[in-house]
N, C-alpha and C. Protein backbone atom coordinates (compact mmCIF):
# COMPACT_ATOMS: atom_id res chain seq x y z
N MET A 1 24.57 -22.26 -1.62
CA MET A 1 23.71 -21.80 -1.64
C MET A 1 22.61 -22.32 -1.45
N ASN A 2 21.40 -21.72 -0.56
CA ASN A 2 20.35 -22.97 0.01
C ASN A 2 19.33 -22.57 -0.91
N GLU A 3 18.18 -23.58 -0.83
CA GLU A 3 17.07 -23.31 -1.69
C GLU A 3 16.53 -21.92 -1.85
N HIS A 4 16.38 -21.32 -1.02
CA HIS A 4 15.64 -19.82 -1.09
C HIS A 4 16.40 -19.13 -1.98
N GLN A 5 17.60 -19.32 -1.81
CA GLN A 5 18.71 -18.27 -2.38
C GLN A 5 18.55 -18.59 -3.92
N GLN A 6 18.61 -19.81 -4.18
CA GLN A 6 18.74 -20.70 -5.53
C GLN A 6 17.46 -19.96 -6.20
N ARG A 7 16.27 -20.17 -5.62
CA ARG A 7 14.89 -19.87 -6.34
C ARG A 7 15.02 -18.34 -6.50
N LEU A 8 15.65 -17.59 -5.54
CA LEU A 8 15.76 -16.00 -5.98
C LEU A 8 16.73 -15.96 -7.21
N HIS A 9 17.70 -16.35 -7.22
CA HIS A 9 18.73 -16.48 -8.38
C HIS A 9 17.89 -16.95 -9.86
N GLU A 10 17.12 -17.92 -9.50
CA GLU A 10 16.24 -18.19 -10.73
C GLU A 10 15.54 -17.29 -11.50
N LEU A 11 14.76 -16.67 -10.44
CA LEU A 11 14.07 -15.29 -10.43
C LEU A 11 14.75 -14.31 -11.41
N GLU A 12 15.84 -13.78 -10.72
CA GLU A 12 16.48 -12.74 -11.10
C GLU A 12 16.97 -13.04 -12.74
N GLU A 13 17.44 -14.41 -12.88
CA GLU A 13 17.77 -14.96 -14.32
C GLU A 13 16.61 -14.94 -15.35
N THR A 14 15.42 -15.13 -14.77
CA THR A 14 14.27 -15.08 -15.72
C THR A 14 13.76 -13.65 -16.06
N ALA A 15 14.07 -12.75 -15.00
CA ALA A 15 13.63 -11.39 -15.21
C ALA A 15 14.75 -10.68 -15.90
N GLN A 16 15.65 -11.15 -16.09
CA GLN A 16 16.87 -10.41 -16.97
C GLN A 16 16.65 -11.16 -18.58
N ALA A 17 16.32 -12.38 -18.92
CA ALA A 17 15.99 -13.21 -19.63
C ALA A 17 14.99 -12.47 -20.23
N ILE A 18 13.99 -11.93 -19.63
CA ILE A 18 12.75 -11.12 -20.20
C ILE A 18 13.07 -9.76 -20.79
N ALA A 19 13.90 -9.50 -19.94
CA ALA A 19 14.48 -7.79 -20.64
C ALA A 19 15.08 -8.02 -21.73
N GLN A 20 15.75 -9.15 -21.76
CA GLN A 20 16.75 -9.35 -23.22
C GLN A 20 16.02 -9.50 -24.25
N THR A 21 14.51 -10.07 -24.23
CA THR A 21 13.58 -10.48 -25.14
C THR A 21 12.83 -9.02 -25.55
N VAL A 22 12.35 -8.44 -24.76
CA VAL A 22 11.35 -7.38 -24.71
C VAL A 22 12.17 -5.91 -24.96
N GLY A 23 13.07 -5.84 -24.17
CA GLY A 23 13.88 -4.62 -24.25
C GLY A 23 14.10 -4.02 -25.89
N PRO A 24 14.55 -5.04 -26.50
CA PRO A 24 14.88 -4.25 -27.94
C PRO A 24 13.56 -3.89 -28.65
N ILE A 25 12.25 -4.62 -28.39
CA ILE A 25 11.43 -4.03 -29.06
C ILE A 25 10.92 -2.93 -28.64
N PHE A 26 10.79 -2.47 -27.15
CA PHE A 26 10.29 -1.22 -26.58
C PHE A 26 11.54 -0.13 -27.02
N ASP A 27 13.03 -0.48 -26.98
CA ASP A 27 13.77 0.44 -27.73
C ASP A 27 13.52 0.45 -29.16
N GLN A 28 13.15 -0.05 -29.95
CA GLN A 28 12.84 0.28 -31.37
C GLN A 28 11.64 1.09 -31.44
N ALA A 29 10.69 1.02 -30.75
CA ALA A 29 9.34 1.76 -30.56
C ALA A 29 9.70 3.21 -29.71
N GLY A 30 10.91 3.47 -29.06
CA GLY A 30 11.29 4.49 -28.55
C GLY A 30 10.45 4.53 -27.48
N GLU A 31 10.00 3.45 -26.72
CA GLU A 31 9.53 3.51 -25.58
C GLU A 31 10.04 2.88 -24.43
N CYS A 32 9.77 2.91 -23.10
CA CYS A 32 10.20 2.04 -21.84
C CYS A 32 9.48 1.19 -21.58
N PHE A 33 10.08 0.04 -20.87
CA PHE A 33 9.54 -0.86 -20.20
C PHE A 33 10.09 -1.38 -18.83
N ALA A 34 9.02 -1.68 -17.92
CA ALA A 34 9.93 -2.37 -16.64
C ALA A 34 8.94 -3.69 -16.02
N LEU A 35 9.64 -4.35 -15.52
CA LEU A 35 9.06 -5.45 -15.04
C LEU A 35 9.47 -5.57 -13.36
N LEU A 36 8.59 -5.78 -12.71
CA LEU A 36 8.95 -5.76 -11.42
C LEU A 36 8.45 -7.21 -10.99
N GLY A 37 9.59 -7.96 -9.90
CA GLY A 37 9.19 -9.05 -9.24
C GLY A 37 9.09 -8.51 -7.64
N PHE A 38 8.26 -9.26 -6.96
CA PHE A 38 8.40 -9.31 -5.50
C PHE A 38 7.77 -10.36 -4.77
N SER A 39 8.09 -10.37 -3.61
CA SER A 39 7.24 -11.25 -2.89
C SER A 39 6.37 -10.41 -1.99
N LYS A 40 5.26 -11.18 -1.83
CA LYS A 40 4.19 -10.73 -0.72
C LYS A 40 4.77 -10.46 0.48
N GLY A 41 4.35 -9.48 1.13
CA GLY A 41 4.51 -9.15 2.52
C GLY A 41 5.57 -7.98 2.95
N ALA A 42 5.75 -7.64 4.24
CA ALA A 42 6.84 -7.04 4.35
C ALA A 42 8.22 -7.80 4.57
N GLY A 43 9.22 -7.01 3.99
CA GLY A 43 10.73 -7.71 4.34
C GLY A 43 10.96 -8.49 3.32
N GLY A 44 10.13 -8.64 2.03
CA GLY A 44 10.15 -9.81 1.33
C GLY A 44 11.36 -9.37 0.08
N TRP A 45 11.41 -10.15 -0.89
CA TRP A 45 12.42 -9.97 -2.15
C TRP A 45 11.93 -9.00 -2.90
N ALA A 46 12.35 -8.06 -3.66
CA ALA A 46 11.99 -7.42 -4.83
C ALA A 46 13.10 -7.23 -6.12
N THR A 47 12.77 -7.08 -6.97
CA THR A 47 13.55 -6.68 -8.10
C THR A 47 12.91 -6.16 -9.27
N TRP A 48 13.77 -5.38 -10.23
CA TRP A 48 13.19 -4.91 -11.44
C TRP A 48 14.25 -4.97 -12.46
N VAL A 49 13.73 -4.83 -13.59
CA VAL A 49 14.57 -4.61 -14.87
C VAL A 49 13.90 -3.67 -15.85
N SER A 50 14.60 -2.73 -16.41
CA SER A 50 14.23 -1.93 -17.30
C SER A 50 15.09 -1.17 -18.38
N ASN A 51 14.50 -0.66 -19.44
CA ASN A 51 15.46 0.00 -20.13
C ASN A 51 15.09 1.50 -19.93
N ALA A 52 14.64 2.25 -19.02
CA ALA A 52 14.52 3.30 -18.73
C ALA A 52 15.74 3.97 -17.53
N GLU A 53 15.85 4.76 -17.82
CA GLU A 53 16.72 5.59 -16.98
C GLU A 53 16.18 5.52 -15.49
N ARG A 54 17.22 5.35 -14.48
CA ARG A 54 16.55 5.12 -13.29
C ARG A 54 15.49 6.27 -12.77
N SER A 55 15.90 7.78 -13.22
CA SER A 55 15.00 9.06 -12.99
C SER A 55 13.61 8.84 -13.69
N CYS A 56 13.65 8.48 -15.16
CA CYS A 56 12.44 7.95 -15.63
C CYS A 56 11.47 7.11 -15.00
N MET A 57 12.32 5.92 -14.42
CA MET A 57 11.32 4.72 -14.03
C MET A 57 11.09 5.23 -12.35
N ILE A 58 11.72 5.92 -11.74
CA ILE A 58 11.08 6.43 -10.55
C ILE A 58 9.94 7.56 -10.87
N GLN A 59 9.82 8.27 -11.74
CA GLN A 59 9.12 9.24 -12.03
C GLN A 59 7.64 8.14 -12.35
N ALA A 60 7.70 7.31 -13.48
CA ALA A 60 6.68 6.65 -13.88
C ALA A 60 5.93 5.70 -12.58
N LEU A 61 6.97 4.97 -11.68
CA LEU A 61 6.42 4.41 -10.60
C LEU A 61 5.70 5.43 -9.65
N GLU A 62 6.23 6.48 -9.54
CA GLU A 62 5.29 7.33 -8.70
C GLU A 62 4.07 7.99 -9.26
N GLU A 63 4.01 8.13 -10.71
CA GLU A 63 2.72 8.38 -11.34
C GLU A 63 1.64 7.15 -11.14
N MET A 64 2.37 5.98 -11.17
CA MET A 64 1.54 4.69 -11.36
C MET A 64 0.76 4.58 -9.83
N VAL A 65 1.84 4.87 -9.01
CA VAL A 65 1.37 4.44 -7.46
C VAL A 65 0.03 5.70 -7.32
N GLU A 66 0.22 6.84 -7.86
CA GLU A 66 -0.84 7.86 -7.47
C GLU A 66 -2.16 7.27 -8.36
N THR A 67 -2.08 6.86 -9.33
CA THR A 67 -3.09 6.29 -10.29
C THR A 67 -4.01 5.11 -9.51
N LEU A 68 -3.07 4.34 -9.01
CA LEU A 68 -3.54 3.01 -8.57
C LEU A 68 -4.16 3.27 -7.07
N LYS A 69 -3.73 4.24 -6.38
CA LYS A 69 -4.46 4.43 -5.29
C LYS A 69 -5.83 4.96 -5.43
N ARG A 70 -5.98 5.59 -6.70
CA ARG A 70 -7.20 6.35 -7.06
C ARG A 70 -7.97 5.19 -7.50
N ASN A 71 -7.77 4.14 -7.42
CA ASN A 71 -8.38 2.92 -8.52
C ASN A 71 -8.44 3.10 -9.70
N GLY A 72 -7.47 4.02 -10.35
CA GLY A 72 -7.54 4.29 -11.46
C GLY A 72 -6.63 3.05 -12.29
N ASP A 73 -6.78 3.15 -13.91
CA ASP A 73 -6.40 2.28 -14.76
C ASP A 73 -4.70 2.99 -15.28
N MET A 74 -3.97 1.90 -15.49
CA MET A 74 -2.88 2.34 -16.14
C MET A 74 -2.47 1.83 -17.53
N PRO A 75 -2.63 2.43 -18.72
CA PRO A 75 -3.16 4.02 -18.54
C PRO A 75 -4.52 3.85 -18.50
N PRO A 76 -5.07 5.10 -18.31
CA PRO A 76 -6.65 5.29 -18.43
C PRO A 76 -7.21 5.01 -19.75
N ILE A 77 -8.06 4.25 -19.77
CA ILE A 77 -8.72 3.76 -21.14
C ILE A 77 -9.99 4.24 -21.20
N ARG A 78 -10.50 4.96 -22.46
CA ARG A 78 -11.92 5.55 -22.49
C ARG A 78 -12.26 5.04 -23.88
N ASP A 79 -13.43 4.35 -24.15
CA ASP A 79 -13.62 4.04 -25.51
C ASP A 79 -12.61 3.19 -26.29
N GLY A 80 -11.89 2.42 -25.75
CA GLY A 80 -10.83 1.51 -26.53
C GLY A 80 -9.76 2.56 -26.68
N GLU A 81 -9.53 3.53 -26.34
CA GLU A 81 -8.29 4.50 -26.62
C GLU A 81 -7.77 5.07 -25.15
N PRO A 82 -6.11 5.34 -25.23
CA PRO A 82 -5.71 5.65 -23.86
C PRO A 82 -6.32 7.12 -23.83
N GLU A 83 -6.56 7.43 -22.53
CA GLU A 83 -6.81 9.08 -22.38
C GLU A 83 -5.64 10.01 -22.50
N ALA A 84 -5.69 11.05 -23.14
CA ALA A 84 -4.99 11.96 -23.32
C ALA A 84 -4.89 12.75 -22.19
């Protein structure tokens, strides 16, 4: 394994460790979480860990992308409370 592959392996292991820590907290609250990791630029490395079903994760990411394209917040916050 070269140095680059070793670093990617370490990043994957770190993401999995974070998921094992926060996953039960979100599960207990009945909520989902996702952690995205990626390198800058085209053709780079990307990974994600989540406790959500793939279809729910895709929907959440699509909604997030549309909100971010509009320069919006995720979730939109007004007066300290999430927008309904």
